[in-house]
Amino acid sequence: MDILLWLVAPALVTVGAMVWVSWLGREGRGEVDRDVAVQRLQKALEKDHRSKHPVRPDRVADRSTGIAVRPTRR
C-alpha cells in the first residue's frame, strides 16, 4: 500500500501539467474572419495542383495459380 502512496504525487503533477497545457493551448485559437477564410479557400482552389511525378499506369496482375510456372518466351 505504501508503494501506491508514492504514486499519488507524480500522478497529481502529471494531471496538473495536462490541465495547465490544455488551458494555455486555448489562448492561441482565435476566430478567423469569414471573409479571410473564403479568400484563403479561393486562393488554394485556384492553385495548379499537378503532381511532380507522372501517374503510373495500373499494373496488370498475373493470375496466380499457386504453382510455380516459368513464363513462356514469345
N, C-alpha and C. Protein backbone atom coordinates (compact mmCIF):
# COMPACT_ATOMS: atom_id res chain seq x y z
N MET A 1 0.82 -1.19 0.00
CA MET A 1 0.00 0.00 0.00
C MET A 1 0.86 1.26 0.00
N ASP A 2 2.03 1.17 0.65
CA ASP A 2 2.93 2.33 0.70
C ASP A 2 3.43 2.71 -0.69
N ILE A 3 3.60 1.71 -1.55
CA ILE A 3 4.07 1.99 -2.90
C ILE A 3 3.04 2.82 -3.66
N LEU A 4 1.78 2.53 -3.47
CA LEU A 4 0.73 3.28 -4.16
C LEU A 4 0.69 4.74 -3.69
N LEU A 5 1.02 4.99 -2.43
CA LEU A 5 1.05 6.36 -1.94
C LEU A 5 2.17 7.16 -2.59
N TRP A 6 3.27 6.51 -2.97
CA TRP A 6 4.34 7.19 -3.68
C TRP A 6 3.90 7.61 -5.07
N LEU A 7 2.94 6.94 -5.63
CA LEU A 7 2.48 7.26 -6.98
C LEU A 7 1.49 8.42 -7.01
N VAL A 8 0.98 8.83 -5.86
CA VAL A 8 -0.01 9.91 -5.82
C VAL A 8 0.60 11.23 -6.26
N ALA A 9 1.77 11.56 -5.75
CA ALA A 9 2.41 12.84 -6.09
C ALA A 9 2.72 12.95 -7.59
N PRO A 10 3.35 11.96 -8.21
CA PRO A 10 3.60 12.07 -9.65
C PRO A 10 2.31 12.12 -10.48
N ALA A 11 1.28 11.41 -10.03
CA ALA A 11 0.01 11.45 -10.76
C ALA A 11 -0.62 12.83 -10.68
N LEU A 12 -0.56 13.45 -9.50
CA LEU A 12 -1.11 14.81 -9.37
C LEU A 12 -0.32 15.82 -10.20
N VAL A 13 0.99 15.68 -10.23
CA VAL A 13 1.82 16.58 -11.04
C VAL A 13 1.49 16.39 -12.52
N THR A 14 1.33 15.15 -12.95
CA THR A 14 1.00 14.88 -14.35
C THR A 14 -0.35 15.46 -14.73
N VAL A 15 -1.34 15.25 -13.91
CA VAL A 15 -2.68 15.79 -14.18
C VAL A 15 -2.64 17.32 -14.17
N GLY A 16 -1.91 17.90 -13.23
CA GLY A 16 -1.79 19.36 -13.19
C GLY A 16 -1.12 19.91 -14.43
N ALA A 17 -0.08 19.23 -14.92
CA ALA A 17 0.60 19.67 -16.14
C ALA A 17 -0.33 19.57 -17.34
N MET A 18 -1.12 18.51 -17.40
CA MET A 18 -2.05 18.36 -18.53
C MET A 18 -3.10 19.45 -18.52
N VAL A 19 -3.61 19.80 -17.35
CA VAL A 19 -4.61 20.87 -17.25
C VAL A 19 -3.99 22.20 -17.63
N TRP A 20 -2.78 22.45 -17.16
CA TRP A 20 -2.09 23.72 -17.44
C TRP A 20 -1.82 23.88 -18.93
N VAL A 21 -1.33 22.83 -19.58
CA VAL A 21 -1.03 22.89 -21.01
C VAL A 21 -2.31 23.05 -21.82
N SER A 22 -3.36 22.36 -21.44
CA SER A 22 -4.61 22.49 -22.19
C SER A 22 -5.19 23.89 -22.03
N TRP A 23 -5.00 24.50 -20.88
CA TRP A 23 -5.50 25.86 -20.67
C TRP A 23 -4.69 26.85 -21.49
N LEU A 24 -3.38 26.67 -21.57
CA LEU A 24 -2.55 27.57 -22.37
C LEU A 24 -2.86 27.42 -23.86
N GLY A 25 -3.19 26.22 -24.30
CA GLY A 25 -3.49 25.99 -25.70
C GLY A 25 -4.76 26.67 -26.16
N ARG A 26 -5.64 26.99 -25.25
CA ARG A 26 -6.89 27.64 -25.61
C ARG A 26 -6.67 29.07 -26.08
N GLU A 27 -5.63 29.73 -25.62
CA GLU A 27 -5.40 31.13 -25.93
C GLU A 27 -5.04 31.32 -27.41
N GLY A 28 -4.35 30.36 -28.01
CA GLY A 28 -3.86 30.53 -29.38
C GLY A 28 -4.93 30.37 -30.44
N ARG A 29 -6.08 29.88 -30.09
CA ARG A 29 -7.12 29.64 -31.09
C ARG A 29 -8.07 30.82 -31.14
N GLY A 30 -7.93 31.61 -32.19
CA GLY A 30 -8.81 32.74 -32.36
C GLY A 30 -9.79 32.48 -33.49
N GLU A 31 -10.83 33.24 -33.53
CA GLU A 31 -11.79 33.12 -34.60
C GLU A 31 -11.21 33.71 -35.88
N VAL A 32 -11.36 33.03 -36.96
CA VAL A 32 -10.91 33.51 -38.26
C VAL A 32 -12.09 34.20 -38.92
N ASP A 33 -11.83 35.37 -39.45
CA ASP A 33 -12.87 36.12 -40.14
C ASP A 33 -13.38 35.31 -41.33
N ARG A 34 -14.67 35.31 -41.54
CA ARG A 34 -15.27 34.51 -42.60
C ARG A 34 -14.75 34.94 -43.97
N ASP A 35 -14.61 36.23 -44.19
CA ASP A 35 -14.12 36.72 -45.49
C ASP A 35 -12.67 36.28 -45.73
N VAL A 36 -11.86 36.30 -44.67
CA VAL A 36 -10.48 35.86 -44.80
C VAL A 36 -10.44 34.37 -45.12
N ALA A 37 -11.28 33.59 -44.48
CA ALA A 37 -11.32 32.15 -44.74
C ALA A 37 -11.75 31.86 -46.17
N VAL A 38 -12.72 32.62 -46.68
CA VAL A 38 -13.17 32.43 -48.06
C VAL A 38 -12.06 32.78 -49.03
N GLN A 39 -11.31 33.85 -48.76
CA GLN A 39 -10.21 34.23 -49.64
C GLN A 39 -9.11 33.17 -49.64
N ARG A 40 -8.81 32.61 -48.47
CA ARG A 40 -7.80 31.55 -48.40
C ARG A 40 -8.24 30.33 -49.18
N LEU A 41 -9.51 29.96 -49.05
CA LEU A 41 -10.03 28.81 -49.77
C LEU A 41 -9.98 29.05 -51.27
N GLN A 42 -10.37 30.24 -51.71
CA GLN A 42 -10.34 30.56 -53.13
C GLN A 42 -8.91 30.50 -53.67
N LYS A 43 -7.97 31.03 -52.91
CA LYS A 43 -6.57 31.02 -53.33
C LYS A 43 -6.05 29.58 -53.46
N ALA A 44 -6.43 28.73 -52.51
CA ALA A 44 -5.99 27.33 -52.54
C ALA A 44 -6.61 26.58 -53.71
N LEU A 45 -7.88 26.88 -54.03
CA LEU A 45 -8.54 26.18 -55.12
C LEU A 45 -8.03 26.62 -56.49
N GLU A 46 -7.51 27.83 -56.59
CA GLU A 46 -7.02 28.32 -57.87
C GLU A 46 -5.63 27.81 -58.21
N LYS A 47 -4.91 27.26 -57.24
CA LYS A 47 -3.57 26.75 -57.49
C LYS A 47 -3.62 25.55 -58.42
N ASP A 48 -2.54 25.40 -59.17
CA ASP A 48 -2.41 24.24 -60.05
C ASP A 48 -1.78 23.12 -59.24
N HIS A 49 -2.54 22.10 -58.94
CA HIS A 49 -2.09 21.01 -58.07
C HIS A 49 -1.68 19.80 -58.89
N ARG A 50 -0.76 19.97 -59.77
CA ARG A 50 -0.26 18.82 -60.53
C ARG A 50 0.85 18.16 -59.74
N SER A 51 0.88 16.87 -59.80
CA SER A 51 1.91 16.16 -59.05
C SER A 51 3.25 16.28 -59.77
N LYS A 52 4.32 16.16 -59.01
CA LYS A 52 5.66 16.26 -59.58
C LYS A 52 6.01 15.01 -60.37
N HIS A 53 5.43 13.91 -59.99
CA HIS A 53 5.73 12.64 -60.64
C HIS A 53 4.58 12.26 -61.56
N PRO A 54 4.89 11.75 -62.75
CA PRO A 54 3.79 11.33 -63.63
C PRO A 54 3.04 10.14 -63.04
N VAL A 55 1.80 10.06 -63.38
CA VAL A 55 0.97 8.97 -62.88
C VAL A 55 1.35 7.69 -63.60
N ARG A 56 1.61 6.65 -62.81
CA ARG A 56 1.97 5.36 -63.41
C ARG A 56 0.71 4.61 -63.82
N PRO A 57 0.77 3.92 -64.93
CA PRO A 57 -0.39 3.10 -65.31
C PRO A 57 -0.56 1.93 -64.34
N ASP A 58 -1.77 1.45 -64.22
CA ASP A 58 -2.03 0.33 -63.32
C ASP A 58 -1.31 -0.91 -63.82
N ARG A 59 -0.75 -1.66 -62.87
CA ARG A 59 -0.07 -2.90 -63.23
C ARG A 59 -1.11 -3.98 -63.50
N VAL A 60 -0.84 -4.75 -64.51
CA VAL A 60 -1.71 -5.89 -64.80
C VAL A 60 -1.24 -7.04 -63.93
N ALA A 61 -2.09 -7.46 -63.03
CA ALA A 61 -1.70 -8.52 -62.11
C ALA A 61 -1.76 -9.87 -62.81
N ASP A 62 -0.71 -10.65 -62.61
CA ASP A 62 -0.70 -12.00 -63.17
C ASP A 62 -1.66 -12.87 -62.37
N ARG A 63 -2.32 -13.74 -63.08
CA ARG A 63 -3.23 -14.65 -62.40
C ARG A 63 -2.41 -15.68 -61.66
N SER A 64 -2.63 -15.78 -60.37
CA SER A 64 -1.87 -16.72 -59.56
C SER A 64 -2.59 -18.05 -59.53
N THR A 65 -1.86 -19.09 -59.89
CA THR A 65 -2.43 -20.42 -59.87
C THR A 65 -1.94 -21.22 -58.67
N GLY A 66 -0.97 -20.68 -57.94
CA GLY A 66 -0.44 -21.41 -56.81
C GLY A 66 0.67 -22.37 -57.19
N ILE A 67 0.97 -22.46 -58.48
CA ILE A 67 2.02 -23.35 -58.96
C ILE A 67 3.07 -22.49 -59.63
N ALA A 68 4.34 -22.76 -59.35
CA ALA A 68 5.41 -22.01 -59.96
C ALA A 68 5.55 -22.44 -61.41
N VAL A 69 5.29 -21.51 -62.32
CA VAL A 69 5.38 -21.81 -63.75
C VAL A 69 6.32 -20.80 -64.38
N ARG A 70 7.23 -21.30 -65.19
CA ARG A 70 8.14 -20.39 -65.88
C ARG A 70 7.38 -19.67 -67.00
N PRO A 71 7.65 -18.38 -67.15
CA PRO A 71 6.96 -17.67 -68.21
C PRO A 71 7.43 -18.14 -69.59
N THR A 72 6.53 -18.20 -70.51
CA THR A 72 6.87 -18.62 -71.86
C THR A 72 7.48 -17.44 -72.61
N ARG A 73 8.44 -17.74 -73.47
CA ARG A 73 9.08 -16.69 -74.26
C ARG A 73 8.30 -16.51 -75.57
N ARG A 74 8.07 -15.30 -75.91
CA ARG A 74 7.34 -15.04 -77.13
C ARG A 74 8.21 -14.32 -78.13
